[in-house]
Amino acid sequence: MKTLEITWDEKKYRATVGCADGPVSVHRNCAFCVHCKGVRIGQKLYPAPQETVMRSFSSGGSSDDALISAAMQFNTLVKDGSAIECDDDGNTGFKSRYRR
């Protein structure tokens, strides 16, 4: 597991991290990447809400509304976050959380 520091461009209101694919948008890439395990705020790690929702799909629950809500929760965490926890130890880069 690696910790990727979030860099903010206040002018464009864009959060990026250094990924194996190069600098990527946290909101557009990490939020939808299977390697994203959560957002670090201070010393505390908050698990990616999308991962929790995806686990509930396998047990027969959840819906599209739950995925949208999870994405909004992720964006709220990122706003206060300092880093993304990423399990891409093999440096393979972005891999969609929703395509299997």
N, C-alpha and C. Protein backbone atom coordinates (compact mmCIF):
# COMPACT_ATOMS: atom_id res chain seq x y z
N MET A 1 0.86 -1.17 0.00
CA MET A 1 0.00 0.00 0.00
C MET A 1 0.91 1.23 0.00
N LYS A 2 0.54 2.19 -0.83
CA LYS A 2 1.31 3.43 -0.86
C LYS A 2 0.39 4.62 -0.62
N THR A 3 0.99 5.68 -0.14
CA THR A 3 0.27 6.91 0.15
C THR A 3 0.64 7.94 -0.91
N LEU A 4 -0.37 8.44 -1.63
CA LEU A 4 -0.14 9.42 -2.69
C LEU A 4 -0.64 10.78 -2.21
N GLU A 5 0.26 11.73 -2.07
CA GLU A 5 -0.10 13.06 -1.58
C GLU A 5 -0.97 13.79 -2.60
N ILE A 6 -2.03 14.40 -2.11
CA ILE A 6 -2.93 15.18 -2.96
C ILE A 6 -2.34 16.57 -3.16
N THR A 7 -2.25 16.99 -4.42
CA THR A 7 -1.79 18.33 -4.78
C THR A 7 -3.00 19.10 -5.30
N TRP A 8 -3.22 20.30 -4.74
CA TRP A 8 -4.37 21.11 -5.13
C TRP A 8 -3.95 22.25 -6.05
N ASP A 9 -4.70 22.43 -7.13
CA ASP A 9 -4.58 23.60 -7.98
C ASP A 9 -5.80 24.45 -7.67
N GLU A 10 -5.63 25.42 -6.79
CA GLU A 10 -6.76 26.23 -6.32
C GLU A 10 -7.42 27.01 -7.45
N LYS A 11 -6.64 27.40 -8.44
CA LYS A 11 -7.16 28.18 -9.56
C LYS A 11 -8.22 27.40 -10.33
N LYS A 12 -7.93 26.15 -10.61
CA LYS A 12 -8.86 25.29 -11.36
C LYS A 12 -9.69 24.40 -10.44
N TYR A 13 -9.46 24.49 -9.12
CA TYR A 13 -10.09 23.62 -8.14
C TYR A 13 -9.96 22.15 -8.58
N ARG A 14 -8.71 21.74 -8.73
CA ARG A 14 -8.41 20.39 -9.19
C ARG A 14 -7.44 19.73 -8.22
N ALA A 15 -7.77 18.51 -7.81
CA ALA A 15 -6.91 17.72 -6.93
C ALA A 15 -6.26 16.62 -7.77
N THR A 16 -4.94 16.49 -7.67
CA THR A 16 -4.23 15.46 -8.43
C THR A 16 -3.30 14.68 -7.51
N VAL A 17 -2.96 13.47 -7.97
CA VAL A 17 -1.95 12.65 -7.30
C VAL A 17 -1.02 12.08 -8.35
N GLY A 18 0.16 11.68 -7.93
CA GLY A 18 1.12 11.06 -8.83
C GLY A 18 0.84 9.57 -8.93
N CYS A 19 0.31 9.15 -10.05
CA CYS A 19 -0.06 7.76 -10.31
C CYS A 19 0.98 7.14 -11.24
N ALA A 20 0.94 5.84 -11.42
CA ALA A 20 1.81 5.18 -12.39
C ALA A 20 1.54 5.71 -13.80
N ASP A 21 0.32 6.22 -14.04
CA ASP A 21 -0.06 6.80 -15.33
C ASP A 21 0.37 8.26 -15.45
N GLY A 22 1.02 8.80 -14.42
CA GLY A 22 1.37 10.22 -14.38
C GLY A 22 0.42 10.95 -13.45
N PRO A 23 0.46 12.28 -13.41
CA PRO A 23 -0.48 13.02 -12.56
C PRO A 23 -1.91 12.82 -13.04
N VAL A 24 -2.78 12.39 -12.13
CA VAL A 24 -4.18 12.15 -12.49
C VAL A 24 -5.11 12.86 -11.52
N SER A 25 -6.31 13.16 -11.98
CA SER A 25 -7.33 13.79 -11.16
C SER A 25 -7.86 12.80 -10.13
N VAL A 26 -7.88 13.23 -8.89
CA VAL A 26 -8.42 12.39 -7.82
C VAL A 26 -9.90 12.14 -8.04
N HIS A 27 -10.63 13.21 -8.44
CA HIS A 27 -12.08 13.09 -8.62
C HIS A 27 -12.44 12.24 -9.82
N ARG A 28 -11.66 12.30 -10.88
CA ARG A 28 -11.99 11.57 -12.10
C ARG A 28 -11.36 10.19 -12.18
N ASN A 29 -10.21 10.00 -11.56
CA ASN A 29 -9.51 8.72 -11.68
C ASN A 29 -9.59 7.90 -10.39
N CYS A 30 -9.05 8.42 -9.31
CA CYS A 30 -9.00 7.65 -8.07
C CYS A 30 -10.40 7.21 -7.62
N ALA A 31 -11.36 8.07 -7.77
CA ALA A 31 -12.73 7.74 -7.35
C ALA A 31 -13.26 6.49 -8.04
N PHE A 32 -12.76 6.21 -9.23
CA PHE A 32 -13.28 5.08 -10.01
C PHE A 32 -12.25 3.97 -10.19
N CYS A 33 -11.14 4.04 -9.46
CA CYS A 33 -10.06 3.06 -9.61
C CYS A 33 -10.14 1.99 -8.52
N VAL A 34 -9.95 0.76 -8.92
CA VAL A 34 -10.00 -0.37 -8.00
C VAL A 34 -8.86 -0.31 -6.97
N HIS A 35 -7.79 0.39 -7.29
CA HIS A 35 -6.64 0.46 -6.39
C HIS A 35 -6.85 1.44 -5.24
N CYS A 36 -7.82 2.35 -5.36
CA CYS A 36 -8.06 3.36 -4.33
C CYS A 36 -8.72 2.71 -3.12
N LYS A 37 -8.03 2.78 -1.99
CA LYS A 37 -8.56 2.16 -0.77
C LYS A 37 -9.08 3.16 0.23
N GLY A 38 -8.83 4.45 -0.01
CA GLY A 38 -9.38 5.44 0.89
C GLY A 38 -8.67 6.77 0.84
N VAL A 39 -9.16 7.69 1.67
CA VAL A 39 -8.64 9.04 1.74
C VAL A 39 -8.08 9.26 3.14
N ARG A 40 -6.88 9.78 3.19
CA ARG A 40 -6.24 10.09 4.46
C ARG A 40 -6.51 11.55 4.81
N ILE A 41 -7.11 11.73 5.99
CA ILE A 41 -7.35 13.06 6.53
C ILE A 41 -6.61 13.10 7.85
N GLY A 42 -5.53 13.87 7.89
CA GLY A 42 -4.65 13.87 9.05
C GLY A 42 -4.02 12.49 9.18
N GLN A 43 -4.12 11.88 10.33
CA GLN A 43 -3.55 10.55 10.55
C GLN A 43 -4.57 9.43 10.31
N LYS A 44 -5.82 9.81 10.07
CA LYS A 44 -6.89 8.80 9.94
C LYS A 44 -7.17 8.46 8.49
N LEU A 45 -7.37 7.18 8.22
CA LEU A 45 -7.73 6.70 6.88
C LEU A 45 -9.23 6.42 6.84
N TYR A 46 -9.90 7.06 5.87
CA TYR A 46 -11.33 6.84 5.66
C TYR A 46 -11.46 5.95 4.43
N PRO A 47 -12.04 4.76 4.57
CA PRO A 47 -12.17 3.85 3.42
C PRO A 47 -12.97 4.49 2.29
N ALA A 48 -12.65 4.12 1.06
CA ALA A 48 -13.37 4.62 -0.11
C ALA A 48 -14.82 4.15 -0.03
N PRO A 49 -15.79 5.08 0.00
CA PRO A 49 -17.20 4.69 0.08
C PRO A 49 -17.64 3.80 -1.08
N GLN A 50 -17.02 3.98 -2.26
CA GLN A 50 -17.39 3.19 -3.43
C GLN A 50 -17.10 1.70 -3.19
N GLU A 51 -16.03 1.41 -2.49
CA GLU A 51 -15.66 0.02 -2.23
C GLU A 51 -16.71 -0.66 -1.35
N THR A 52 -17.20 0.05 -0.36
CA THR A 52 -18.24 -0.49 0.52
C THR A 52 -19.51 -0.79 -0.27
N VAL A 53 -19.89 0.13 -1.16
CA VAL A 53 -21.09 -0.06 -1.98
C VAL A 53 -20.91 -1.25 -2.93
N MET A 54 -19.73 -1.36 -3.53
CA MET A 54 -19.49 -2.47 -4.47
C MET A 54 -19.57 -3.82 -3.75
N ARG A 55 -19.11 -3.88 -2.50
CA ARG A 55 -19.22 -5.13 -1.73
C ARG A 55 -20.69 -5.48 -1.49
N SER A 56 -21.54 -4.48 -1.31
CA SER A 56 -22.95 -4.75 -1.07
C SER A 56 -23.64 -5.26 -2.34
N PHE A 57 -23.10 -4.92 -3.53
CA PHE A 57 -23.64 -5.46 -4.77
C PHE A 57 -23.53 -6.99 -4.79
N SER A 58 -22.41 -7.50 -4.34
CA SER A 58 -22.19 -8.94 -4.38
C SER A 58 -23.11 -9.68 -3.42
N SER A 59 -23.63 -8.99 -2.42
CA SER A 59 -24.56 -9.64 -1.50
C SER A 59 -26.01 -9.36 -1.86
N GLY A 60 -26.23 -8.78 -3.05
CA GLY A 60 -27.59 -8.59 -3.54
C GLY A 60 -28.21 -7.24 -3.24
N GLY A 61 -27.50 -6.35 -2.56
CA GLY A 61 -28.07 -5.06 -2.23
C GLY A 61 -27.59 -3.97 -3.16
N SER A 62 -27.84 -2.73 -2.75
CA SER A 62 -27.35 -1.52 -3.40
C SER A 62 -28.12 -1.14 -4.66
N SER A 63 -27.74 0.01 -5.21
CA SER A 63 -28.39 0.53 -6.41
C SER A 63 -27.52 1.60 -7.03
N ASP A 64 -27.96 2.13 -8.17
CA ASP A 64 -27.24 3.23 -8.80
C ASP A 64 -27.20 4.45 -7.88
N ASP A 65 -28.28 4.68 -7.15
CA ASP A 65 -28.32 5.81 -6.23
C ASP A 65 -27.24 5.68 -5.16
N ALA A 66 -27.00 4.46 -4.70
CA ALA A 66 -25.97 4.24 -3.68
C ALA A 66 -24.59 4.55 -4.24
N LEU A 67 -24.35 4.21 -5.51
CA LEU A 67 -23.06 4.52 -6.13
C LEU A 67 -22.86 6.03 -6.28
N ILE A 68 -23.90 6.74 -6.66
CA ILE A 68 -23.82 8.19 -6.79
C ILE A 68 -23.57 8.82 -5.42
N SER A 69 -24.25 8.35 -4.42
CA SER A 69 -24.06 8.85 -3.06
C SER A 69 -22.63 8.58 -2.58
N ALA A 70 -22.12 7.40 -2.88
CA ALA A 70 -20.75 7.05 -2.48
C ALA A 70 -19.73 7.96 -3.17
N ALA A 71 -19.96 8.28 -4.44
CA ALA A 71 -19.06 9.18 -5.17
C ALA A 71 -19.08 10.57 -4.55
N MET A 72 -20.24 11.03 -4.14
CA MET A 72 -20.35 12.34 -3.50
C MET A 72 -19.65 12.33 -2.14
N GLN A 73 -19.78 11.24 -1.40
CA GLN A 73 -19.08 11.12 -0.11
C GLN A 73 -17.58 11.14 -0.32
N PHE A 74 -17.10 10.44 -1.36
CA PHE A 74 -15.67 10.41 -1.68
C PHE A 74 -15.17 11.83 -1.96
N ASN A 75 -15.91 12.58 -2.77
CA ASN A 75 -15.51 13.95 -3.10
C ASN A 75 -15.46 14.84 -1.86
N THR A 76 -16.37 14.63 -0.93
CA THR A 76 -16.36 15.38 0.32
C THR A 76 -15.12 15.04 1.14
N LEU A 77 -14.76 13.77 1.19
CA LEU A 77 -13.55 13.35 1.91
C LEU A 77 -12.30 13.97 1.27
N VAL A 78 -12.25 13.96 -0.05
CA VAL A 78 -11.09 14.50 -0.77
C VAL A 78 -10.90 15.98 -0.45
N LYS A 79 -12.00 16.70 -0.32
CA LYS A 79 -11.93 18.13 -0.03
C LYS A 79 -11.11 18.41 1.23
N ASP A 80 -11.24 17.54 2.22
CA ASP A 80 -10.52 17.69 3.49
C ASP A 80 -9.26 16.83 3.56
N GLY A 81 -9.05 15.99 2.56
CA GLY A 81 -7.97 15.02 2.60
C GLY A 81 -6.60 15.57 2.26
N SER A 82 -5.60 14.82 2.66
CA SER A 82 -4.21 15.18 2.36
C SER A 82 -3.55 14.15 1.44
N ALA A 83 -4.12 12.93 1.39
CA ALA A 83 -3.52 11.87 0.58
C ALA A 83 -4.54 10.80 0.24
N ILE A 84 -4.20 10.01 -0.78
CA ILE A 84 -4.99 8.85 -1.20
C ILE A 84 -4.18 7.60 -0.88
N GLU A 85 -4.84 6.61 -0.30
CA GLU A 85 -4.19 5.32 -0.06
C GLU A 85 -4.44 4.44 -1.27
N CYS A 86 -3.38 3.94 -1.86
CA CYS A 86 -3.44 3.20 -3.13
C CYS A 86 -2.74 1.86 -2.97
N ASP A 87 -3.38 0.78 -3.41
CA ASP A 87 -2.74 -0.54 -3.29
C ASP A 87 -2.09 -1.00 -4.60
N ASP A 88 -1.79 -0.06 -5.48
CA ASP A 88 -1.15 -0.39 -6.77
C ASP A 88 0.37 -0.54 -6.59
N ASP A 89 0.77 -1.53 -5.82
CA ASP A 89 2.19 -1.74 -5.56
C ASP A 89 2.95 -2.20 -6.79
N GLY A 90 2.24 -2.74 -7.78
CA GLY A 90 2.87 -3.18 -9.02
C GLY A 90 2.99 -2.08 -10.06
N ASN A 91 2.54 -0.86 -9.74
CA ASN A 91 2.57 0.29 -10.66
C ASN A 91 1.92 -0.01 -12.01
N THR A 92 0.73 -0.60 -11.97
CA THR A 92 0.01 -0.90 -13.20
C THR A 92 -0.85 0.27 -13.66
N GLY A 93 -1.12 1.21 -12.77
CA GLY A 93 -1.93 2.37 -13.13
C GLY A 93 -3.41 2.14 -12.95
N PHE A 94 -4.19 3.05 -13.52
CA PHE A 94 -5.64 3.04 -13.37
C PHE A 94 -6.27 1.75 -13.87
N LYS A 95 -7.19 1.21 -13.07
CA LYS A 95 -7.99 0.05 -13.45
C LYS A 95 -9.39 0.31 -12.91
N SER A 96 -10.37 0.35 -13.81
CA SER A 96 -11.72 0.71 -13.43
C SER A 96 -12.31 -0.20 -12.36
N ARG A 97 -12.93 0.42 -11.39
CA ARG A 97 -13.59 -0.30 -10.30
C ARG A 97 -14.87 -0.98 -10.80
N TYR A 98 -15.44 -0.47 -11.89
CA TYR A 98 -16.76 -0.92 -12.33
C TYR A 98 -16.74 -1.86 -13.52
N ARG A 99 -15.62 -2.06 -14.16
CA ARG A 99 -15.53 -3.04 -15.25
C ARG A 99 -14.77 -4.24 -14.76
N ARG A 100 -15.34 -5.36 -14.91
CA ARG A 100 -14.69 -6.59 -14.42
C ARG A 100 -14.56 -7.57 -15.55
